[in-house]
Amino acid sequence: MRFVVHVLAALGLLLAAAAPSYAACGDNPGDAAAVAATRAQIAQQCPCSSFNSHGAYVKCASGVPGRQRRHALRGMRRGGRELRG
């Protein structure tokens, strides 16, 4: 019984000491280009001068990445058929 307690205590210490590692922006080689492309899309689709408030601009800008994903998914094929958006 003591052995089991010691093993569980050791495992608990190992798990507590292990820090989770998450991917960060910039970890992948294409991250900088993707950020630059998204910023360019925001500048094109949401020109500052066309909004009366900062909130309206932020709402427009926050929708750009979702529109990019939907556009990219439209071109993907599954089972030989093109997906329709």
N, C-alpha and C. Protein backbone atom coordinates (compact mmCIF):
# COMPACT_ATOMS: atom_id res chain seq x y z
N MET A 1 0.82 -1.19 0.00
CA MET A 1 0.00 0.00 0.00
C MET A 1 0.87 1.26 0.00
N ARG A 2 1.96 1.22 0.76
CA ARG A 2 2.85 2.38 0.77
C ARG A 2 3.45 2.64 -0.60
N PHE A 3 3.75 1.56 -1.30
CA PHE A 3 4.33 1.70 -2.63
C PHE A 3 3.36 2.44 -3.55
N VAL A 4 2.10 2.08 -3.49
CA VAL A 4 1.09 2.72 -4.33
C VAL A 4 0.99 4.20 -3.99
N VAL A 5 1.02 4.53 -2.72
CA VAL A 5 0.94 5.93 -2.29
C VAL A 5 2.16 6.70 -2.79
N HIS A 6 3.34 6.11 -2.70
CA HIS A 6 4.55 6.77 -3.18
C HIS A 6 4.52 6.97 -4.69
N VAL A 7 4.07 5.97 -5.40
CA VAL A 7 3.98 6.08 -6.87
C VAL A 7 2.99 7.17 -7.25
N LEU A 8 1.83 7.20 -6.60
CA LEU A 8 0.84 8.23 -6.91
C LEU A 8 1.36 9.62 -6.55
N ALA A 9 2.07 9.74 -5.44
CA ALA A 9 2.64 11.02 -5.06
C ALA A 9 3.68 11.47 -6.07
N ALA A 10 4.52 10.56 -6.54
CA ALA A 10 5.53 10.90 -7.54
C ALA A 10 4.88 11.33 -8.85
N LEU A 11 3.84 10.61 -9.27
CA LEU A 11 3.14 10.99 -10.50
C LEU A 11 2.48 12.35 -10.35
N GLY A 12 1.92 12.60 -9.18
CA GLY A 12 1.30 13.90 -8.94
C GLY A 12 2.31 15.04 -9.03
N LEU A 13 3.49 14.83 -8.48
CA LEU A 13 4.53 15.85 -8.56
C LEU A 13 5.00 16.07 -10.00
N LEU A 14 5.12 15.00 -10.75
CA LEU A 14 5.54 15.13 -12.15
C LEU A 14 4.51 15.89 -12.96
N LEU A 15 3.24 15.57 -12.75
CA LEU A 15 2.20 16.26 -13.50
C LEU A 15 2.09 17.72 -13.10
N ALA A 16 2.28 18.01 -11.82
CA ALA A 16 2.20 19.40 -11.36
C ALA A 16 3.38 20.22 -11.86
N ALA A 17 4.53 19.60 -12.00
CA ALA A 17 5.73 20.33 -12.43
C ALA A 17 5.77 20.54 -13.94
N ALA A 18 5.07 19.70 -14.69
CA ALA A 18 5.10 19.82 -16.14
C ALA A 18 4.27 21.02 -16.57
N ALA A 19 4.88 21.95 -17.25
CA ALA A 19 4.17 23.13 -17.73
C ALA A 19 3.58 22.82 -19.10
N PRO A 20 2.32 23.16 -19.30
CA PRO A 20 1.74 22.92 -20.62
C PRO A 20 2.37 23.84 -21.66
N SER A 21 2.55 23.34 -22.85
CA SER A 21 3.12 24.17 -23.91
C SER A 21 2.06 24.37 -24.99
N TYR A 22 1.76 25.60 -25.26
CA TYR A 22 0.77 25.95 -26.25
C TYR A 22 1.47 26.64 -27.42
N ALA A 23 0.90 26.47 -28.59
CA ALA A 23 1.45 27.15 -29.76
C ALA A 23 1.19 28.65 -29.62
N ALA A 24 2.16 29.43 -29.95
CA ALA A 24 2.02 30.88 -29.87
C ALA A 24 2.07 31.46 -31.28
N CYS A 25 1.54 32.62 -31.41
CA CYS A 25 1.60 33.31 -32.70
C CYS A 25 3.06 33.52 -33.06
N GLY A 26 3.45 33.10 -34.23
CA GLY A 26 4.83 33.23 -34.66
C GLY A 26 5.59 31.92 -34.60
N ASP A 27 4.97 30.86 -34.08
CA ASP A 27 5.65 29.57 -34.00
C ASP A 27 5.77 28.90 -35.37
N ASN A 28 4.81 29.13 -36.23
CA ASN A 28 4.84 28.52 -37.56
C ASN A 28 5.50 29.46 -38.56
N PRO A 29 6.19 28.93 -39.56
CA PRO A 29 6.92 29.78 -40.51
C PRO A 29 6.04 30.79 -41.25
N GLY A 30 4.79 30.45 -41.52
CA GLY A 30 3.93 31.35 -42.30
C GLY A 30 3.11 32.32 -41.48
N ASP A 31 3.32 32.37 -40.16
CA ASP A 31 2.49 33.23 -39.31
C ASP A 31 2.63 34.72 -39.64
N ALA A 32 3.82 35.19 -39.84
CA ALA A 32 4.02 36.62 -40.12
C ALA A 32 3.32 37.02 -41.42
N ALA A 33 3.41 36.18 -42.42
CA ALA A 33 2.75 36.47 -43.69
C ALA A 33 1.24 36.44 -43.54
N ALA A 34 0.73 35.51 -42.74
CA ALA A 34 -0.72 35.41 -42.53
C ALA A 34 -1.24 36.64 -41.79
N VAL A 35 -0.49 37.12 -40.81
CA VAL A 35 -0.89 38.32 -40.07
C VAL A 35 -0.88 39.53 -41.00
N ALA A 36 0.14 39.65 -41.82
CA ALA A 36 0.23 40.77 -42.76
C ALA A 36 -0.91 40.72 -43.77
N ALA A 37 -1.24 39.53 -44.25
CA ALA A 37 -2.34 39.39 -45.22
C ALA A 37 -3.68 39.75 -44.59
N THR A 38 -3.88 39.34 -43.34
CA THR A 38 -5.13 39.66 -42.66
C THR A 38 -5.24 41.16 -42.41
N ARG A 39 -4.15 41.79 -42.03
CA ARG A 39 -4.16 43.24 -41.84
C ARG A 39 -4.47 43.96 -43.14
N ALA A 40 -3.93 43.47 -44.25
CA ALA A 40 -4.21 44.09 -45.55
C ALA A 40 -5.68 43.92 -45.92
N GLN A 41 -6.24 42.75 -45.63
CA GLN A 41 -7.66 42.50 -45.90
C GLN A 41 -8.52 43.45 -45.06
N ILE A 42 -8.16 43.64 -43.80
CA ILE A 42 -8.92 44.55 -42.94
C ILE A 42 -8.85 45.96 -43.48
N ALA A 43 -7.68 46.40 -43.90
CA ALA A 43 -7.53 47.74 -44.46
C ALA A 43 -8.36 47.92 -45.72
N GLN A 44 -8.48 46.87 -46.51
CA GLN A 44 -9.23 46.95 -47.76
C GLN A 44 -10.73 46.89 -47.49
N GLN A 45 -11.18 45.99 -46.64
CA GLN A 45 -12.61 45.78 -46.42
C GLN A 45 -13.22 46.74 -45.40
N CYS A 46 -12.40 47.32 -44.54
CA CYS A 46 -12.90 48.17 -43.46
C CYS A 46 -12.12 49.48 -43.39
N PRO A 47 -12.23 50.35 -44.39
CA PRO A 47 -11.50 51.62 -44.32
C PRO A 47 -11.99 52.48 -43.15
N CYS A 48 -11.07 53.01 -42.40
CA CYS A 48 -11.40 53.78 -41.18
C CYS A 48 -12.39 54.90 -41.44
N SER A 49 -12.24 55.58 -42.56
CA SER A 49 -13.06 56.76 -42.84
C SER A 49 -14.53 56.44 -43.06
N SER A 50 -14.87 55.17 -43.28
CA SER A 50 -16.26 54.82 -43.57
C SER A 50 -17.06 54.48 -42.31
N PHE A 51 -16.47 54.62 -41.13
CA PHE A 51 -17.17 54.28 -39.89
C PHE A 51 -17.30 55.51 -39.00
N ASN A 52 -18.45 55.60 -38.33
CA ASN A 52 -18.71 56.72 -37.43
C ASN A 52 -18.20 56.46 -36.02
N SER A 53 -17.96 55.20 -35.68
CA SER A 53 -17.50 54.89 -34.32
C SER A 53 -16.43 53.80 -34.36
N HIS A 54 -15.65 53.77 -33.31
CA HIS A 54 -14.61 52.74 -33.20
C HIS A 54 -15.24 51.36 -33.11
N GLY A 55 -16.36 51.26 -32.41
CA GLY A 55 -17.04 49.97 -32.26
C GLY A 55 -17.48 49.39 -33.59
N ALA A 56 -17.97 50.24 -34.48
CA ALA A 56 -18.38 49.76 -35.80
C ALA A 56 -17.18 49.25 -36.60
N TYR A 57 -16.05 49.97 -36.48
CA TYR A 57 -14.84 49.53 -37.17
C TYR A 57 -14.37 48.19 -36.62
N VAL A 58 -14.36 48.04 -35.31
CA VAL A 58 -13.92 46.79 -34.68
C VAL A 58 -14.82 45.64 -35.09
N LYS A 59 -16.12 45.89 -35.17
CA LYS A 59 -17.07 44.85 -35.60
C LYS A 59 -16.74 44.39 -37.03
N CYS A 60 -16.47 45.33 -37.90
CA CYS A 60 -16.11 44.99 -39.27
C CYS A 60 -14.78 44.22 -39.30
N ALA A 61 -13.78 44.74 -38.61
CA ALA A 61 -12.45 44.13 -38.63
C ALA A 61 -12.45 42.74 -38.02
N SER A 62 -13.24 42.52 -36.98
CA SER A 62 -13.26 41.21 -36.34
C SER A 62 -13.93 40.16 -37.22
N GLY A 63 -14.71 40.57 -38.19
CA GLY A 63 -15.36 39.62 -39.08
C GLY A 63 -14.49 39.19 -40.26
N VAL A 64 -13.41 39.88 -40.52
CA VAL A 64 -12.57 39.58 -41.67
C VAL A 64 -11.98 38.17 -41.61
N PRO A 65 -11.38 37.73 -40.51
CA PRO A 65 -10.82 36.37 -40.50
C PRO A 65 -11.87 35.29 -40.77
N GLY A 66 -13.08 35.45 -40.25
CA GLY A 66 -14.14 34.47 -40.50
C GLY A 66 -14.53 34.44 -41.97
N ARG A 67 -14.59 35.60 -42.59
CA ARG A 67 -14.91 35.65 -44.02
C ARG A 67 -13.81 34.99 -44.84
N GLN A 68 -12.55 35.17 -44.41
CA GLN A 68 -11.44 34.53 -45.13
C GLN A 68 -11.54 33.01 -45.03
N ARG A 69 -11.87 32.50 -43.85
CA ARG A 69 -11.99 31.04 -43.68
C ARG A 69 -13.13 30.49 -44.53
N ARG A 70 -14.28 31.17 -44.52
CA ARG A 70 -15.41 30.69 -45.32
C ARG A 70 -15.06 30.70 -46.80
N HIS A 71 -14.36 31.73 -47.25
CA HIS A 71 -13.96 31.81 -48.66
C HIS A 71 -13.00 30.67 -49.00
N ALA A 72 -12.07 30.38 -48.11
CA ALA A 72 -11.11 29.30 -48.37
C ALA A 72 -11.81 27.95 -48.38
N LEU A 73 -12.80 27.76 -47.52
CA LEU A 73 -13.50 26.48 -47.46
C LEU A 73 -14.35 26.23 -48.71
N ARG A 74 -14.81 27.29 -49.34
CA ARG A 74 -15.64 27.12 -50.54
C ARG A 74 -14.87 26.42 -51.65
N GLY A 75 -13.57 26.65 -51.70
CA GLY A 75 -12.76 26.06 -52.76
C GLY A 75 -12.30 24.64 -52.47
N MET A 76 -12.49 24.19 -51.25
CA MET A 76 -12.02 22.84 -50.90
C MET A 76 -12.97 21.79 -51.48
N ARG A 77 -12.42 20.64 -51.73
CA ARG A 77 -13.23 19.55 -52.28
C ARG A 77 -13.28 18.42 -51.27
N ARG A 78 -14.43 17.77 -51.23
CA ARG A 78 -14.59 16.60 -50.36
C ARG A 78 -15.27 15.52 -51.20
N GLY A 79 -14.60 14.41 -51.34
CA GLY A 79 -15.17 13.30 -52.08
C GLY A 79 -15.43 13.61 -53.55
N GLY A 80 -14.61 14.47 -54.13
CA GLY A 80 -14.76 14.78 -55.55
C GLY A 80 -15.80 15.84 -55.84
N ARG A 81 -16.55 16.28 -54.82
CA ARG A 81 -17.55 17.32 -55.04
C ARG A 81 -17.09 18.60 -54.35
N GLU A 82 -17.38 19.72 -54.98
CA GLU A 82 -17.00 20.98 -54.38
C GLU A 82 -18.02 21.36 -53.31
N LEU A 83 -17.51 21.85 -52.17
CA LEU A 83 -18.41 22.29 -51.12
C LEU A 83 -19.04 23.63 -51.51
N ARG A 84 -20.26 23.81 -51.19
CA ARG A 84 -20.94 25.07 -51.48
C ARG A 84 -21.13 25.85 -50.18
N GLY A 85 -20.83 27.15 -50.20
CA GLY A 85 -20.91 27.99 -49.00
C GLY A 85 -22.16 28.64 -48.85
